N, C-alpha and C. Protein backbone atom coordinates (compact mmCIF):
# COMPACT_ATOMS: atom_id res chain seq x y z
N UNK A 1 -4.98 -27.88 5.79
CA UNK A 1 -5.97 -29.21 6.14
C UNK A 1 -6.73 -29.26 7.13
N UNK A 2 -7.61 -30.17 7.00
CA UNK A 2 -9.24 -30.08 8.10
C UNK A 2 -9.69 -31.31 8.28
N UNK A 3 -9.65 -31.77 9.43
CA UNK A 3 -9.97 -33.42 9.72
C UNK A 3 -10.87 -33.25 10.95
N UNK A 4 -12.17 -34.30 10.75
CA UNK A 4 -12.58 -34.20 11.87
C UNK A 4 -13.00 -35.82 12.06
N UNK A 5 -13.31 -36.43 13.42
CA UNK A 5 -13.40 -37.14 13.83
C UNK A 5 -14.02 -37.54 14.34
N UNK A 6 -15.39 -38.04 14.08
CA UNK A 6 -16.52 -38.12 14.73
C UNK A 6 -16.60 -39.64 16.07
N UNK A 7 -16.38 -39.40 16.83
CA UNK A 7 -16.82 -40.79 17.97
C UNK A 7 -17.56 -40.44 18.60
N UNK A 8 -18.24 -41.76 19.04
CA UNK A 8 -19.38 -42.31 19.92
C UNK A 8 -19.43 -41.73 21.24
N UNK A 9 -18.07 -41.67 21.44
CA UNK A 9 -17.86 -41.49 23.03
C UNK A 9 -16.21 -40.95 23.30
N UNK A 10 -15.70 -40.18 24.36
CA UNK A 10 -14.54 -40.11 24.95
C UNK A 10 -13.93 -41.51 24.96
N UNK A 11 -14.44 -42.71 25.35
CA UNK A 11 -13.99 -43.78 25.49
C UNK A 11 -13.10 -44.25 24.41
N UNK A 12 -13.41 -43.81 22.92
CA UNK A 12 -12.87 -44.30 21.79
C UNK A 12 -11.91 -43.50 21.41
N UNK A 13 -11.41 -42.47 22.13
CA UNK A 13 -10.35 -41.69 21.50
C UNK A 13 -9.18 -42.81 22.07
N UNK A 14 -8.34 -43.00 20.73
CA UNK A 14 -7.55 -43.50 21.56
C UNK A 14 -5.98 -43.07 21.12
N UNK A 15 -5.20 -44.25 21.23
CA UNK A 15 -3.76 -43.61 20.71
C UNK A 15 -3.70 -43.77 19.57
N UNK A 16 -4.41 -45.03 18.69
CA UNK A 16 -4.00 -44.89 17.29
C UNK A 16 -4.82 -43.76 16.71
N UNK A 17 -5.99 -42.69 16.93
CA UNK A 17 -6.17 -41.95 16.40
C UNK A 17 -5.53 -40.67 16.31
N UNK A 18 -4.70 -40.79 17.53
CA UNK A 18 -3.74 -39.62 18.05
C UNK A 18 -2.40 -40.06 16.53
N UNK A 19 -2.15 -40.84 16.65
CA UNK A 19 -0.82 -41.44 15.96
C UNK A 19 -1.21 -41.52 14.60
N UNK A 20 -2.62 -41.65 14.16
CA UNK A 20 -3.52 -40.97 12.24
C UNK A 20 -3.21 -39.90 12.44
N UNK A 21 -3.44 -38.63 13.64
CA UNK A 21 -3.44 -37.00 12.86
C UNK A 21 -2.04 -36.79 13.18
N UNK A 22 -0.95 -37.35 14.06
CA UNK A 22 0.18 -37.10 13.52
C UNK A 22 1.29 -37.38 12.23
N UNK A 23 0.24 -38.52 11.78
CA UNK A 23 0.87 -39.26 10.57
C UNK A 23 0.18 -38.18 8.99
N UNK A 24 -0.92 -37.54 9.91
CA UNK A 24 -1.10 -37.26 8.62
C UNK A 24 -0.76 -35.11 8.69
N UNK A 25 -0.59 -35.05 9.54
CA UNK A 25 -0.13 -33.32 9.53
C UNK A 25 1.48 -33.36 9.94
N UNK A 26 2.06 -34.22 10.22
CA UNK A 26 3.47 -34.04 10.19
C UNK A 26 4.30 -33.11 11.47
N UNK A 27 5.18 -32.22 10.66
CA UNK A 27 4.99 -31.50 11.53
C UNK A 27 4.85 -29.73 11.34
N UNK A 28 3.11 -29.96 10.42
CA UNK A 28 2.38 -28.65 10.45
C UNK A 28 1.84 -28.40 11.96
N UNK A 29 1.82 -27.15 12.49
CA UNK A 29 1.38 -26.76 13.76
C UNK A 29 -0.17 -27.08 13.65
N UNK A 30 -0.87 -27.29 14.63
CA UNK A 30 -2.30 -27.85 14.53
C UNK A 30 -3.26 -27.67 15.88
N UNK A 31 -4.38 -27.63 15.75
CA UNK A 31 -5.16 -26.78 16.70
C UNK A 31 -6.43 -27.93 16.83
N UNK A 32 -6.08 -28.68 18.15
CA UNK A 32 -7.27 -29.51 18.66
C UNK A 32 -8.17 -29.13 19.91
N UNK A 33 -9.47 -29.04 19.18
CA UNK A 33 -10.69 -28.56 19.36
C UNK A 33 -11.38 -29.81 19.94
N UNK A 34 -12.11 -29.80 20.85
CA UNK A 34 -12.79 -31.33 21.23
C UNK A 34 -13.98 -30.46 21.85
N UNK A 35 -15.24 -30.55 21.05
CA UNK A 35 -16.56 -30.50 21.57
C UNK A 35 -17.65 -31.39 21.70
N UNK A 36 -18.80 -31.35 22.34
CA UNK A 36 -19.64 -32.42 22.63
C UNK A 36 -20.65 -32.22 21.39
N UNK A 37 -20.70 -33.26 20.71
CA UNK A 37 -21.53 -33.53 19.44
C UNK A 37 -23.27 -33.61 19.87
N UNK A 38 -23.67 -32.55 19.39
CA UNK A 38 -24.90 -32.57 19.45
C UNK A 38 -25.99 -33.70 18.81
N UNK A 39 -26.66 -34.00 19.48
CA UNK A 39 -27.89 -35.39 18.68
C UNK A 39 -28.61 -34.45 17.65
N UNK A 40 -29.37 -35.51 16.40
CA UNK A 40 -29.89 -34.44 15.32
C UNK A 40 -30.93 -33.86 16.14
N UNK A 41 -31.72 -34.49 16.37
CA UNK A 41 -32.89 -33.17 17.10
C UNK A 41 -32.03 -32.17 17.82
N UNK A 42 -31.81 -31.96 18.47
CA UNK A 42 -31.14 -30.90 19.14
C UNK A 42 -30.43 -30.11 18.06
N UNK A 43 -29.63 -30.09 17.45
CA UNK A 43 -29.20 -29.82 16.30
C UNK A 43 -30.05 -28.97 15.60
N UNK A 44 -30.87 -29.43 14.91
CA UNK A 44 -32.27 -29.15 14.32
C UNK A 44 -33.07 -28.05 15.01
N UNK A 45 -33.42 -28.41 16.57
CA UNK A 45 -33.58 -27.30 17.17
C UNK A 45 -33.07 -26.15 17.56
N UNK A 46 -31.81 -25.99 17.38
CA UNK A 46 -30.90 -24.86 17.94
C UNK A 46 -31.44 -24.09 17.21
N UNK A 47 -31.86 -23.90 15.82
CA UNK A 47 -32.18 -22.74 15.04
C UNK A 47 -33.59 -22.68 15.00
N UNK A 48 -33.87 -21.12 14.98
CA UNK A 48 -35.31 -20.74 15.80
C UNK A 48 -36.00 -21.05 14.23
N UNK A 49 -35.20 -21.24 13.27
CA UNK A 49 -36.37 -21.10 12.27
C UNK A 49 -36.93 -22.66 11.87
N UNK A 50 -35.99 -23.93 12.08
CA UNK A 50 -35.78 -24.87 11.64
C UNK A 50 -36.70 -25.44 13.03
N UNK A 51 -36.71 -25.05 14.17
CA UNK A 51 -37.61 -25.73 15.62
C UNK A 51 -38.97 -25.41 15.11
N UNK A 52 -39.11 -24.09 14.66
CA UNK A 52 -40.46 -23.79 14.40
C UNK A 52 -41.38 -24.65 13.07
N UNK A 53 -40.29 -24.83 12.32
CA UNK A 53 -40.79 -25.46 10.53
C UNK A 53 -41.45 -27.14 11.61
N UNK A 54 -40.15 -27.61 12.78
CA UNK A 54 -40.26 -29.08 13.05
C UNK A 54 -41.27 -29.27 14.20
N UNK A 55 -41.77 -28.83 14.50
CA UNK A 55 -42.92 -28.12 15.42
C UNK A 55 -44.13 -28.02 14.73
N UNK A 56 -44.02 -27.42 14.34
CA UNK A 56 -45.43 -27.24 12.94
C UNK A 56 -45.74 -29.06 12.24
N UNK A 57 -44.44 -29.29 11.74
CA UNK A 57 -44.43 -30.99 11.34
C UNK A 57 -45.07 -32.09 11.91
N UNK A 58 -44.47 -31.74 13.34
CA UNK A 58 -45.31 -32.31 14.19
C UNK A 58 -46.64 -32.27 14.76
N UNK A 59 -46.76 -31.15 15.23
CA UNK A 59 -48.43 -30.89 14.86
C UNK A 59 -49.34 -31.38 14.22
N UNK A 60 -48.90 -31.15 12.58
CA UNK A 60 -49.33 -31.72 11.57
C UNK A 60 -49.35 -33.53 11.33
N UNK A 61 -48.41 -33.82 11.66
CA UNK A 61 -48.61 -35.35 12.17
C UNK A 61 -49.60 -36.31 13.23
N UNK A 62 -49.17 -35.16 13.87
CA UNK A 62 -50.34 -35.70 15.01
C UNK A 62 -51.86 -35.93 14.77
N UNK A 63 -51.96 -34.53 13.59
CA UNK A 63 -53.23 -34.28 13.07
C UNK A 63 -53.46 -35.00 12.42
N UNK A 64 -52.81 -35.92 11.85
CA UNK A 64 -53.18 -36.77 10.53
C UNK A 64 -52.76 -36.21 9.05
N UNK A 65 -52.55 -35.42 9.21
CA UNK A 65 -51.53 -34.27 8.23
C UNK A 65 -50.85 -34.86 7.69
N UNK A 66 -50.78 -35.89 7.28
CA UNK A 66 -49.01 -36.81 6.41
C UNK A 66 -49.77 -36.54 5.26
N UNK A 67 -48.01 -36.52 4.24
CA UNK A 67 -47.99 -36.19 3.09
C UNK A 67 -47.45 -37.49 2.80
N UNK A 68 -48.02 -38.30 1.80
CA UNK A 68 -46.54 -39.68 1.64
C UNK A 68 -45.77 -39.23 0.18
N UNK A 69 -45.04 -39.82 0.30
CA UNK A 69 -43.94 -39.26 -0.43
C UNK A 69 -43.60 -40.46 -0.80
N UNK A 70 -43.30 -41.07 -2.53
CA UNK A 70 -43.12 -42.43 -2.52
C UNK A 70 -41.09 -42.10 -3.22
N UNK A 71 -40.35 -42.93 -3.15
CA UNK A 71 -38.92 -42.98 -3.57
C UNK A 71 -38.61 -42.61 -5.19
N UNK A 72 -39.90 -43.28 -5.81
CA UNK A 72 -39.75 -42.86 -7.36
C UNK A 72 -40.17 -41.74 -7.82
N UNK A 73 -41.02 -40.47 -6.82
CA UNK A 73 -41.28 -39.13 -7.00
C UNK A 73 -40.28 -37.96 -6.42
N UNK A 74 -38.93 -38.84 -5.97
CA UNK A 74 -38.09 -37.70 -5.03
C UNK A 74 -36.91 -37.23 -6.33
């Protein structure tokens, strides 16, 4: 089983979260990994292809080259 907990900050880590993990996994061996979550922009910019596409889109927006998309056309 695989479970991910997303917290706004480390201050949200509570005993209740630990108890939920213990209840879910009971006596099974587990690995707990803690990593800092990237914000959306940093995550997208971490991939060179995504970064190039985002930078191109930003340039187009600054130049007024916008494409209007209506929800009913999605």
